[in-house]
Amino acid sequence: MSLTSAHSALVTFASESEHVDTHESLSPYVTGGSALLILLLLLYVTTRFNRDR
């Protein structure tokens, strides 16, 4: 199997696959906002425990 035929096979396989979004109810804004809130909470907890520095 030559390199060009392997490349052609991979391109064909990649173009035939479709992205299926299984979580339509999850909003990117809700997900990003939740992640930001969790990171800010972790930052607050970390700074409260490192007062002696």
Protein backbone atom coordinates (compact mmCIF):
# COMPACT_ATOMS: atom_id res chain seq x y z
CA MET A 1 0.00 0.00 0.00
CA SER A 2 1.58 3.21 -1.10
CA LEU A 3 1.57 6.48 0.79
CA THR A 4 -0.79 8.22 -1.63
CA SER A 5 -3.38 5.45 -1.50
CA ALA A 6 -3.22 5.45 2.31
CA HIS A 7 -3.68 9.22 2.27
CA SER A 8 -6.65 8.91 -0.09
CA ALA A 9 -8.24 6.28 2.12
CA LEU A 10 -7.85 8.43 5.23
CA VAL A 11 -9.26 11.51 3.49
CA THR A 12 -12.26 9.51 2.30
CA PHE A 13 -12.83 8.08 5.77
CA ALA A 14 -12.59 11.50 7.41
CA SER A 15 -14.97 13.14 4.94
CA GLU A 16 -17.63 10.45 5.38
CA SER A 17 -17.80 10.68 9.16
CA GLU A 18 -20.27 13.15 10.62
CA HIS A 19 -20.11 14.92 13.96
CA VAL A 20 -23.16 14.09 16.04
CA ASP A 21 -23.87 16.39 18.96
CA THR A 22 -25.50 14.15 21.54
CA HIS A 23 -25.89 16.86 24.20
CA GLU A 24 -28.10 19.44 22.56
CA SER A 25 -29.36 20.72 25.90
CA LEU A 26 -25.90 21.80 27.10
CA SER A 27 -25.26 25.42 26.26
CA PRO A 28 -21.65 26.48 25.76
CA TYR A 29 -22.31 29.57 27.87
CA VAL A 30 -23.58 27.47 30.79
CA THR A 31 -20.62 25.10 30.50
CA GLY A 32 -18.09 27.93 30.31
CA GLY A 33 -19.75 29.87 33.12
CA SER A 34 -19.75 26.79 35.35
CA ALA A 35 -16.09 26.14 34.63
CA LEU A 36 -15.23 29.77 35.40
CA LEU A 37 -17.16 29.65 38.67
CA ILE A 38 -15.44 26.43 39.74
CA LEU A 39 -12.00 27.81 38.89
CA LEU A 40 -12.69 31.03 40.79
CA LEU A 41 -13.86 29.01 43.79
CA LEU A 42 -10.67 26.92 43.66
CA LEU A 43 -8.60 30.09 43.42
CA TYR A 44 -10.36 31.53 46.48
CA VAL A 45 -9.82 28.35 48.51
CA THR A 46 -6.15 28.20 47.48
CA THR A 47 -5.49 31.80 48.48
CA ARG A 48 -7.23 31.33 51.86
CA PHE A 49 -5.00 28.36 52.74
CA ASN A 50 -1.75 30.10 51.71
CA ARG A 51 -1.95 33.16 53.97
CA ASP A 52 1.44 32.45 55.58
CA ARG A 53 3.37 33.07 52.37
